[in-house]
C-alpha atoms as a PDB file:
ATOM      1  CA  THR A   1      -9.381 -12.998 -10.548  1.00  0.00           C
ATOM      2  CA  SER A   2      -7.085 -15.329  -8.682  1.00  0.00           C
ATOM      3  CA  ASP A   3      -6.364 -16.367  -5.129  1.00  0.00           C
ATOM      4  CA  ALA A   4      -2.604 -16.611  -5.767  1.00  0.00           C
ATOM      5  CA  VAL A   5      -0.100 -16.223  -8.599  1.00  0.00           C
ATOM      6  CA  VAL A   6       2.672 -18.609  -9.650  1.00  0.00           C
ATOM      7  CA  ALA A   7       5.505 -17.120 -11.721  1.00  0.00           C
ATOM      8  CA  LEU A   8       7.593 -19.331 -13.979  1.00  0.00           C
ATOM      9  CA  PRO A   9      10.930 -18.345 -15.510  1.00  0.00           C
ATOM     10  CA  GLY A  10      10.510 -15.550 -18.022  1.00  0.00           C
ATOM     11  CA  LYS A  11      11.593 -12.068 -18.931  1.00  0.00           C
ATOM     12  CA  TYR A  12      10.147  -8.619 -18.400  1.00  0.00           C
ATOM     13  CA  GLY A  13       6.540  -9.655 -19.042  1.00  0.00           C
ATOM     14  CA  THR A  14       6.823 -12.105 -16.165  1.00  0.00           C
ATOM     15  CA  LEU A  15       8.342  -9.414 -14.000  1.00  0.00           C
ATOM     16  CA  SER A  16       5.472  -7.023 -14.711  1.00  0.00           C
ATOM     17  CA  GLU A  17       2.873  -9.710 -13.953  1.00  0.00           C
ATOM     18  CA  MET A  18       4.643 -10.385 -10.657  1.00  0.00           C
ATOM     19  CA  ALA A  19       4.426  -6.675  -9.855  1.00  0.00           C
ATOM     20  CA  PHE A  20       0.690  -6.664 -10.635  1.00  0.00           C
ATOM     21  CA  ALA A  21       0.182  -9.627  -8.292  1.00  0.00           C
ATOM     22  CA  LEU A  22       2.040  -7.868  -5.488  1.00  0.00           C
ATOM     23  CA  GLN A  23       0.088  -4.644  -6.027  1.00  0.00           C
ATOM     24  CA  ALA A  24      -3.155  -6.641  -5.856  1.00  0.00           C
ATOM     25  CA  GLY A  25      -2.060  -8.213  -2.574  1.00  0.00           C
ATOM     26  CA  LYS A  26      -2.063 -11.754  -3.973  1.00  0.00           C
ATOM     27  CA  PRO A  27       0.304 -14.407  -2.608  1.00  0.00           C
ATOM     28  CA  LEU A  28       3.110 -14.809  -5.139  1.00  0.00           C
ATOM     29  CA  VAL A  29       5.136 -17.992  -5.620  1.00  0.00           C
ATOM     30  CA  SER A  30       8.152 -17.904  -7.928  1.00  0.00           C
ATOM     31  CA  VAL A  31       9.346 -21.174  -9.496  1.00  0.00           C
ATOM     32  CA  SER A  32      13.004 -20.544 -10.319  1.00  0.00           C
ATOM     33  CA  ALA A  33      12.052 -17.087 -11.590  1.00  0.00           C
ATOM     34  CA  TRP A  34      12.925 -13.556 -10.489  1.00  0.00           C
ATOM     35  CA  LYS A  35      14.254 -13.464  -6.920  1.00  0.00           C
ATOM     36  CA  LEU A  36      13.053 -10.136  -5.587  1.00  0.00           C
ATOM     37  CA  GLY A  37      12.012  -9.157  -2.092  1.00  0.00           C
ATOM     38  CA  ASP A  38      10.777 -11.015   0.938  1.00  0.00           C
ATOM     39  CA  GLU A  39       7.102 -10.948  -0.064  1.00  0.00           C
ATOM     40  CA  ILE A  40       7.798 -13.421  -2.884  1.00  0.00           C
ATOM     41  CA  HIS A  41       7.891 -17.107  -1.968  1.00  0.00           C
ATOM     42  CA  HIS A  42      10.652 -18.910  -3.880  1.00  0.00           C
ATOM     43  CA  VAL A  43      10.517 -22.625  -4.734  1.00  0.00           C
ATOM     44  CA  GLU A  44      12.423 -24.850  -7.131  1.00  0.00           C
ATOM     45  CA  SER A  45       9.689 -27.060  -8.619  1.00  0.00           C
ATOM     46  CA  PRO A  46       6.087 -26.847  -9.807  1.00  0.00           C
ATOM     47  CA  GLU A  47       5.137 -29.459  -7.210  1.00  0.00           C
ATOM     48  CA  GLU A  48       6.503 -27.282  -4.410  1.00  0.00           C
ATOM     49  CA  ALA A  49       4.625 -24.320  -5.865  1.00  0.00           C
ATOM     50  CA  ALA A  50       1.320 -26.217  -5.901  1.00  0.00           C
ATOM     51  CA  HIS A  51       1.694 -27.286  -2.267  1.00  0.00           C
ATOM     52  CA  LEU A  52       2.720 -23.811  -1.137  1.00  0.00           C
ATOM     53  CA  VAL A  53      -0.120 -22.104  -3.017  1.00  0.00           C
ATOM     54  CA  MET A  54      -2.636 -24.396  -1.326  1.00  0.00           C
ATOM     55  CA  GLU A  55      -1.168 -23.509   2.078  1.00  0.00           C
ATOM     56  CA  LEU A  56      -1.133 -19.772   1.352  1.00  0.00           C
ATOM     57  CA  VAL A  57      -4.674 -19.704  -0.024  1.00  0.00           C
ATOM     58  CA  THR A  58      -5.981 -21.707   2.926  1.00  0.00           C
ATOM     59  CA  GLU A  59      -4.319 -19.261   5.362  1.00  0.00           C
ATOM     60  CA  THR A  60      -5.942 -16.226   3.750  1.00  0.00           C
ATOM     61  CA  LYS A  61      -9.501 -17.599   3.751  1.00  0.00           C
END
């Protein structure tokens, strides 16, 4: 299990894993990957993703 999911650039496997994360209600951060919907948080670097994940996980606990 996870508290959040970070998606890196990829193809359809990445897209399906992003869908699983959304269905599970996990915060989803996309690092220069698929740009879909408002429920996905988009960032440009792994460092931004790490900071954002920590914020999102702290908010949900």
